[in-house]
Protein backbone atom coordinates (compact mmCIF):
# COMPACT_ATOMS: atom_id res chain seq x y z
CA MET A 1 52.15 12.40 7.76
CA THR A 2 48.66 13.32 8.93
CA THR A 3 45.58 11.17 8.43
CA GLU A 4 43.84 14.27 7.10
CA LYS A 5 45.87 14.30 3.90
CA THR A 6 46.01 10.55 3.33
CA GLY A 7 42.35 9.85 3.95
CA ALA A 8 43.27 7.14 6.46
CA PHE A 9 41.32 6.82 9.69
CA ASP A 10 42.13 5.65 13.18
CA ALA A 11 40.65 2.14 13.58
CA THR A 12 40.48 2.55 17.37
CA MET A 13 37.82 5.23 16.84
CA LEU A 14 35.38 2.57 15.54
CA ASN A 15 34.54 1.60 19.13
CA ALA A 16 34.76 5.12 20.53
CA GLN A 17 31.85 6.69 22.35
CA ARG A 18 31.10 10.34 22.93
CA CYS A 19 32.53 11.47 26.28
CA SER A 20 29.74 11.74 28.85
CA GLU A 21 31.69 14.26 30.92
CA CYS A 22 31.94 16.96 28.22
CA GLY A 23 29.24 15.77 25.81
CA GLY A 24 31.75 15.24 23.02
CA THR A 25 33.06 18.81 22.90
CA GLY A 26 36.42 18.05 24.54
CA GLU A 27 36.10 20.97 26.92
CA LEU A 28 34.45 21.75 30.23
CA ARG A 29 32.80 25.09 30.95
CA ILE A 30 32.71 26.20 34.56
CA GLU A 31 30.51 29.16 35.49
CA SER A 32 31.77 31.32 38.33
CA GLU A 33 30.70 34.51 40.07
CA ASN A 34 32.93 36.98 41.86
CA ILE A 35 32.01 40.04 43.89
CA THR A 36 34.13 43.13 43.21
CA GLU A 37 35.16 45.66 45.78
CA ASP A 38 32.23 47.80 44.54
CA PHE A 39 29.89 44.91 45.45
CA GLU A 40 29.12 44.17 41.81
CA VAL A 41 28.73 40.58 40.70
CA GLU A 42 31.07 39.55 37.91
CA LYS A 43 30.15 36.39 36.05
CA GLN A 44 32.70 34.52 34.02
CA THR A 45 33.02 31.21 32.22
CA VAL A 46 36.23 29.24 32.56
CA ILE A 47 36.85 26.87 29.65
CA THR A 48 39.25 23.98 30.23
CA GLN A 49 40.20 20.73 28.54
CA CYS A 50 38.14 17.73 29.64
CA PRO A 51 40.30 15.51 31.87
CA ARG A 52 38.34 12.34 31.06
CA CYS A 53 38.85 12.33 27.28
CA GLY A 54 41.94 14.56 27.11
CA GLY A 55 40.16 17.14 24.96
CA LYS A 56 39.30 14.69 22.17
CA GLY A 57 35.56 14.40 22.90
CA TRP A 58 35.63 10.61 22.56
CA VAL A 59 36.41 7.79 24.97
CA GLN A 60 37.20 4.18 24.22
CA GLY A 61 34.00 2.10 24.15
CA GLY A 62 33.60 -1.14 25.97
């Protein structure tokens, strides 16, 4: 059963703080540049799950 349907909430989230690593988004964005064989610069953004909060956006407060 999900908490979404029951209206229940996770009590551990009462002390949670927004993750400082990802700013609460749960993901990290890494900008990178590559040079092609035609000497053109390709820019790309790699999006990955934040390792600090596990992609939740919140960390346990102290």
